[in-house]
C-alpha cells in the first residue's frame, strides 16, 4: 500500500458501516475513492436522528442538531434553498419547492428523487396577473402566496422503504 487512498474497497466499506453520519461525512472528505465508498454505502451505523432546525435567512445554510453528539451543524446545501422540509425517513428529506413540486433529498450524498406531481386542486387556479397568489374558481384569493401553500399542502411524509435499498418505495 502506497497511500491511504489505496486501501481495499471492502475494507473501507466495512469501516464506513461503523461510522455515524457526521463521521461518514468527514471520512468522505479524505479523498475521492473514500468519497465513492460513502456514496455507495447503504446506511451509517445506528444513531439518534438529527433535527432540522431551519434555514439561516442570510446565508441560506441549513441548521441541524445531532442528538447523539449534542452539537449544532450549519451546512450549505444549495439543493435546499427555498425548500420546505415536511418530513424525513431513512435519512432522506421530503421537500416541497416554491412551485409545489415534491422531492426526496439525501442531504449528505446530495442524491435526489423527483416525486410525481401532487394531485391538482379542484377549487384553485393560479392567475398570472397577481404576484404568486392563489385564487378559487370565483376569483377570490384563498392563499396569499405559494410560500404559504408550500407549507399547507404536505404536512407530514414518510417512506415505505429506503430508496437506496429498494427501487419500489412509496412516499406517503
C-alpha atoms as a PDB file:
ATOM      1  CA  UNK A   1       0.000   0.000   0.000  1.00  0.00           C
ATOM      2  CA  UNK A   2       1.483   3.337  -1.066  1.00  0.00           C
ATOM      3  CA  UNK A   3      -1.194   5.666   0.327  1.00  0.00           C
ATOM      4  CA  UNK A   4      -4.417   5.718   2.330  1.00  0.00           C
ATOM      5  CA  UNK A   5      -6.409   6.098  -0.876  1.00  0.00           C
ATOM      6  CA  UNK A   6      -5.205   2.633  -1.950  1.00  0.00           C
ATOM      7  CA  UNK A   7      -6.999   0.761   0.856  1.00  0.00           C
ATOM      8  CA  UNK A   8      -9.226  -2.072  -0.388  1.00  0.00           C
ATOM      9  CA  UNK A   9     -12.825  -1.110  -1.165  1.00  0.00           C
ATOM     10  CA  UNK A  10     -14.343  -3.852   1.011  1.00  0.00           C
ATOM     11  CA  UNK A  11     -12.200  -2.805   3.997  1.00  0.00           C
ATOM     12  CA  UNK A  12     -13.297   0.809   3.559  1.00  0.00           C
ATOM     13  CA  UNK A  13     -16.926  -0.295   3.215  1.00  0.00           C
ATOM     14  CA  UNK A  14     -16.684  -2.223   6.481  1.00  0.00           C
ATOM     15  CA  UNK A  15     -15.175   0.804   8.248  1.00  0.00           C
ATOM     16  CA  UNK A  16     -17.908   3.148   6.993  1.00  0.00           C
ATOM     17  CA  UNK A  17     -20.552   0.762   8.344  1.00  0.00           C
ATOM     18  CA  UNK A  18     -19.249   1.514  11.838  1.00  0.00           C
ATOM     19  CA  UNK A  19     -19.309   5.294  11.443  1.00  0.00           C
ATOM     20  CA  UNK A  20     -22.053   7.729  12.363  1.00  0.00           C
ATOM     21  CA  UNK A  21     -23.337  10.166   9.743  1.00  0.00           C
ATOM     22  CA  UNK A  22     -21.015  13.048  10.768  1.00  0.00           C
ATOM     23  CA  UNK A  23     -18.030  10.685  10.766  1.00  0.00           C
ATOM     24  CA  UNK A  24     -19.027   9.335   7.337  1.00  0.00           C
ATOM     25  CA  UNK A  25     -19.136  12.919   6.074  1.00  0.00           C
ATOM     26  CA  UNK A  26     -15.632  13.517   7.457  1.00  0.00           C
ATOM     27  CA  UNK A  27     -14.480  10.162   6.033  1.00  0.00           C
ATOM     28  CA  UNK A  28     -15.706  11.158   2.564  1.00  0.00           C
ATOM     29  CA  UNK A  29     -13.583  14.324   2.675  1.00  0.00           C
ATOM     30  CA  UNK A  30     -10.301  12.341   2.760  1.00  0.00           C
ATOM     31  CA  UNK A  31     -10.106  11.533  -0.956  1.00  0.00           C
ATOM     32  CA  UNK A  32     -12.201  10.632  -4.000  1.00  0.00           C
ATOM     33  CA  UNK A  33     -12.013   6.853  -3.510  1.00  0.00           C
ATOM     34  CA  UNK A  34     -13.213   7.174   0.103  1.00  0.00           C
ATOM     35  CA  UNK A  35     -15.995   9.537  -1.007  1.00  0.00           C
ATOM     36  CA  UNK A  36     -17.132   6.928  -3.530  1.00  0.00           C
ATOM     37  CA  UNK A  37     -17.358   4.269  -0.800  1.00  0.00           C
ATOM     38  CA  UNK A  38     -19.530   6.539   1.372  1.00  0.00           C
ATOM     39  CA  UNK A  39     -21.762   7.428  -1.566  1.00  0.00           C
ATOM     40  CA  UNK A  40     -22.483   3.759  -2.288  1.00  0.00           C
ATOM     41  CA  UNK A  41     -22.826   2.755   1.372  1.00  0.00           C
ATOM     42  CA  UNK A  42     -26.385   1.829   2.275  1.00  0.00           C
ATOM     43  CA  UNK A  43     -26.691   3.386   5.712  1.00  0.00           C
ATOM     44  CA  UNK A  44     -24.470   4.672   8.524  1.00  0.00           C
ATOM     45  CA  UNK A  45     -24.234   2.976  11.900  1.00  0.00           C
ATOM     46  CA  UNK A  46     -27.361   3.330  14.019  1.00  0.00           C
ATOM     47  CA  UNK A  47     -27.542   6.702  15.710  1.00  0.00           C
ATOM     48  CA  UNK A  48     -30.095   9.112  17.041  1.00  0.00           C
ATOM     49  CA  UNK A  49     -31.757  11.264  14.359  1.00  0.00           C
ATOM     50  CA  UNK A  50     -30.722  14.781  13.503  1.00  0.00           C
ATOM     51  CA  UNK A  51     -33.199  17.602  13.960  1.00  0.00           C
ATOM     52  CA  UNK A  52     -33.667  20.026  11.068  1.00  0.00           C
ATOM     53  CA  UNK A  53     -33.817  23.471  12.646  1.00  0.00           C
ATOM     54  CA  UNK A  54     -34.361  25.634   9.598  1.00  0.00           C
ATOM     55  CA  UNK A  55     -32.657  27.870   7.096  1.00  0.00           C
ATOM     56  CA  UNK A  56     -30.495  30.861   8.001  1.00  0.00           C
ATOM     57  CA  UNK A  57     -32.160  33.788   6.241  1.00  0.00           C
ATOM     58  CA  UNK A  58     -28.861  35.477   5.363  1.00  0.00           C
ATOM     59  CA  UNK A  59     -26.513  32.607   4.427  1.00  0.00           C
ATOM     60  CA  UNK A  60     -29.239  30.115   3.325  1.00  0.00           C
ATOM     61  CA  UNK A  61     -27.319  27.389   5.200  1.00  0.00           C
ATOM     62  CA  UNK A  62     -29.434  24.697   6.889  1.00  0.00           C
ATOM     63  CA  UNK A  63     -29.113  24.275  10.622  1.00  0.00           C
ATOM     64  CA  UNK A  64     -29.171  20.782  12.100  1.00  0.00           C
ATOM     65  CA  UNK A  65     -28.793  19.412  15.616  1.00  0.00           C
ATOM     66  CA  UNK A  66     -27.220  15.994  16.237  1.00  0.00           C
ATOM     67  CA  UNK A  67     -28.895  14.386  19.241  1.00  0.00           C
ATOM     68  CA  UNK A  68     -26.114  11.796  19.632  1.00  0.00           C
ATOM     69  CA  UNK A  69     -23.333  14.408  19.643  1.00  0.00           C
ATOM     70  CA  UNK A  70     -25.376  17.217  21.262  1.00  0.00           C
ATOM     71  CA  UNK A  71     -23.945  19.513  18.598  1.00  0.00           C
ATOM     72  CA  UNK A  72     -25.277  22.043  16.081  1.00  0.00           C
ATOM     73  CA  UNK A  73     -24.250  21.895  12.426  1.00  0.00           C
ATOM     74  CA  UNK A  74     -24.687  24.598   9.814  1.00  0.00           C
ATOM     75  CA  UNK A  75     -24.433  23.012   6.371  1.00  0.00           C
ATOM     76  CA  UNK A  76     -24.604  24.669   2.966  1.00  0.00           C
ATOM     77  CA  UNK A  77     -26.931  22.545   0.827  1.00  0.00           C
ATOM     78  CA  UNK A  78     -27.871  24.540  -2.297  1.00  0.00           C
ATOM     79  CA  UNK A  79     -30.488  21.928  -3.239  1.00  0.00           C
ATOM     80  CA  UNK A  80     -32.456  23.012  -0.153  1.00  0.00           C
ATOM     81  CA  UNK A  81     -32.541  26.775  -0.858  1.00  0.00           C
ATOM     82  CA  UNK A  82     -36.160  27.888  -0.600  1.00  0.00           C
ATOM     83  CA  UNK A  83     -37.381  24.336   0.043  1.00  0.00           C
ATOM     84  CA  UNK A  84     -39.906  23.495   2.724  1.00  0.00           C
ATOM     85  CA  UNK A  85     -38.920  20.296   4.542  1.00  0.00           C
ATOM     86  CA  UNK A  86     -42.052  18.404   5.520  1.00  0.00           C
ATOM     87  CA  UNK A  87     -40.517  15.193   6.807  1.00  0.00           C
ATOM     88  CA  UNK A  88     -37.683  12.721   6.781  1.00  0.00           C
ATOM     89  CA  UNK A  89     -37.382   8.969   6.525  1.00  0.00           C
ATOM     90  CA  UNK A  90     -34.383   6.650   6.174  1.00  0.00           C
ATOM     91  CA  UNK A  91     -32.091   9.694   6.052  1.00  0.00           C
ATOM     92  CA  UNK A  92     -33.994  11.295   3.138  1.00  0.00           C
ATOM     93  CA  UNK A  93     -35.630  14.708   3.436  1.00  0.00           C
ATOM     94  CA  UNK A  94     -39.044  15.337   1.857  1.00  0.00           C
ATOM     95  CA  UNK A  95     -39.053  18.794   0.321  1.00  0.00           C
ATOM     96  CA  UNK A  96     -41.626  20.955  -1.419  1.00  0.00           C
ATOM     97  CA  UNK A  97     -40.382  23.837  -3.561  1.00  0.00           C
ATOM     98  CA  UNK A  98     -41.985  27.205  -4.245  1.00  0.00           C
ATOM     99  CA  UNK A  99     -43.863  25.765  -7.255  1.00  0.00           C
ATOM    100  CA  UNK A 100     -45.269  22.914  -5.125  1.00  0.00           C
ATOM    101  CA  UNK A 101     -43.028  20.203  -6.607  1.00  0.00           C
ATOM    102  CA  UNK A 102     -42.049  17.365  -4.261  1.00  0.00           C
ATOM    103  CA  UNK A 103     -38.619  15.812  -3.994  1.00  0.00           C
ATOM    104  CA  UNK A 104     -36.610  13.425  -1.815  1.00  0.00           C
ATOM    105  CA  UNK A 105     -33.098  14.580  -0.998  1.00  0.00           C
ATOM    106  CA  UNK A 106     -30.289  12.884   0.892  1.00  0.00           C
ATOM    107  CA  UNK A 107     -28.567  15.895   2.500  1.00  0.00           C
ATOM    108  CA  UNK A 108     -25.184  14.166   2.732  1.00  0.00           C
ATOM    109  CA  UNK A 109     -24.836  12.428  -0.618  1.00  0.00           C
ATOM    110  CA  UNK A 110     -26.985  15.069  -2.431  1.00  0.00           C
ATOM    111  CA  UNK A 111     -28.839  12.299  -4.268  1.00  0.00           C
ATOM    112  CA  UNK A 112     -32.407  13.214  -5.073  1.00  0.00           C
ATOM    113  CA  UNK A 113     -35.583  11.749  -6.480  1.00  0.00           C
ATOM    114  CA  UNK A 114     -38.225  13.937  -8.086  1.00  0.00           C
ATOM    115  CA  UNK A 115     -41.641  12.882  -6.803  1.00  0.00           C
ATOM    116  CA  UNK A 116     -44.695  12.653  -9.073  1.00  0.00           C
ATOM    117  CA  UNK A 117     -46.805  15.827  -9.224  1.00  0.00           C
ATOM    118  CA  UNK A 118     -49.272  16.357  -6.425  1.00  0.00           C
ATOM    119  CA  UNK A 119     -52.942  15.914  -7.351  1.00  0.00           C
ATOM    120  CA  UNK A 120     -54.459  19.118  -8.788  1.00  0.00           C
ATOM    121  CA  UNK A 121     -56.576  21.306  -6.572  1.00  0.00           C
ATOM    122  CA  UNK A 122     -60.208  21.203  -7.552  1.00  0.00           C
ATOM    123  CA  UNK A 123     -61.058  24.653  -6.270  1.00  0.00           C
ATOM    124  CA  UNK A 124     -57.904  26.566  -7.089  1.00  0.00           C
ATOM    125  CA  UNK A 125     -56.122  28.052 -10.024  1.00  0.00           C
ATOM    126  CA  UNK A 126     -53.211  30.444 -10.279  1.00  0.00           C
ATOM    127  CA  UNK A 127     -53.794  33.732 -12.032  1.00  0.00           C
ATOM    128  CA  UNK A 128     -50.685  35.185 -13.645  1.00  0.00           C
ATOM    129  CA  UNK A 129     -51.770  38.790 -13.066  1.00  0.00           C
ATOM    130  CA  UNK A 130     -51.029  38.755  -9.327  1.00  0.00           C
ATOM    131  CA  UNK A 131     -47.685  38.031  -7.731  1.00  0.00           C
ATOM    132  CA  UNK A 132     -47.940  34.319  -6.913  1.00  0.00           C
ATOM    133  CA  UNK A 133     -51.377  34.497  -5.343  1.00  0.00           C
ATOM    134  CA  UNK A 134     -53.805  31.569  -5.418  1.00  0.00           C
ATOM    135  CA  UNK A 135     -57.497  32.097  -6.175  1.00  0.00           C
ATOM    136  CA  UNK A 136     -60.553  29.860  -6.123  1.00  0.00           C
ATOM    137  CA  UNK A 137     -62.715  29.394  -9.226  1.00  0.00           C
ATOM    138  CA  UNK A 138     -64.716  32.545  -8.336  1.00  0.00           C
ATOM    139  CA  UNK A 139     -61.595  34.721  -8.366  1.00  0.00           C
ATOM    140  CA  UNK A 140     -61.425  35.088  -4.563  1.00  0.00           C
ATOM    141  CA  UNK A 141     -57.936  34.976  -3.087  1.00  0.00           C
ATOM    142  CA  UNK A 142     -57.626  31.962  -0.781  1.00  0.00           C
ATOM    143  CA  UNK A 143     -53.872  31.766  -0.230  1.00  0.00           C
ATOM    144  CA  UNK A 144     -51.662  34.822  -0.390  1.00  0.00           C
ATOM    145  CA  UNK A 145     -48.595  33.095  -1.774  1.00  0.00           C
ATOM    146  CA  UNK A 146     -47.006  29.854  -2.858  1.00  0.00           C
ATOM    147  CA  UNK A 147     -44.861  30.085   0.299  1.00  0.00           C
ATOM    148  CA  UNK A 148     -47.984  29.641   2.426  1.00  0.00           C
ATOM    149  CA  UNK A 149     -49.337  26.890   0.188  1.00  0.00           C
ATOM    150  CA  UNK A 150     -45.940  25.169   0.218  1.00  0.00           C
ATOM    151  CA  UNK A 151     -46.327  24.571   3.960  1.00  0.00           C
ATOM    152  CA  UNK A 152     -50.007  23.606   3.862  1.00  0.00           C
ATOM    153  CA  UNK A 153     -50.013  21.095   1.015  1.00  0.00           C
ATOM    154  CA  UNK A 154     -47.873  18.418   2.664  1.00  0.00           C
ATOM    155  CA  UNK A 155     -47.802  18.373   6.441  1.00  0.00           C
ATOM    156  CA  UNK A 156     -46.059  15.033   7.065  1.00  0.00           C
ATOM    157  CA  UNK A 157     -44.375  12.450   4.861  1.00  0.00           C
ATOM    158  CA  UNK A 158     -42.807   9.007   5.279  1.00  0.00           C
ATOM    159  CA  UNK A 159     -41.209   6.339   3.070  1.00  0.00           C
ATOM    160  CA  UNK A 160     -42.184   2.681   2.901  1.00  0.00           C
ATOM    161  CA  UNK A 161     -38.543   1.661   2.220  1.00  0.00           C
ATOM    162  CA  UNK A 162     -35.116   3.203   1.790  1.00  0.00           C
ATOM    163  CA  UNK A 163     -34.783   4.177  -1.915  1.00  0.00           C
ATOM    164  CA  UNK A 164     -31.130   3.030  -1.808  1.00  0.00           C
ATOM    165  CA  UNK A 165     -32.249  -0.491  -0.878  1.00  0.00           C
ATOM    166  CA  UNK A 166     -35.457  -0.895  -2.900  1.00  0.00           C
ATOM    167  CA  UNK A 167     -36.460   0.949  -6.050  1.00  0.00           C
ATOM    168  CA  UNK A 168     -40.170   0.197  -5.494  1.00  0.00           C
ATOM    169  CA  UNK A 169     -40.501   2.532  -2.491  1.00  0.00           C
ATOM    170  CA  UNK A 170     -43.655   4.502  -1.777  1.00  0.00           C
ATOM    171  CA  UNK A 171     -43.785   8.054  -0.414  1.00  0.00           C
ATOM    172  CA  UNK A 172     -46.864   8.703   1.716  1.00  0.00           C
END
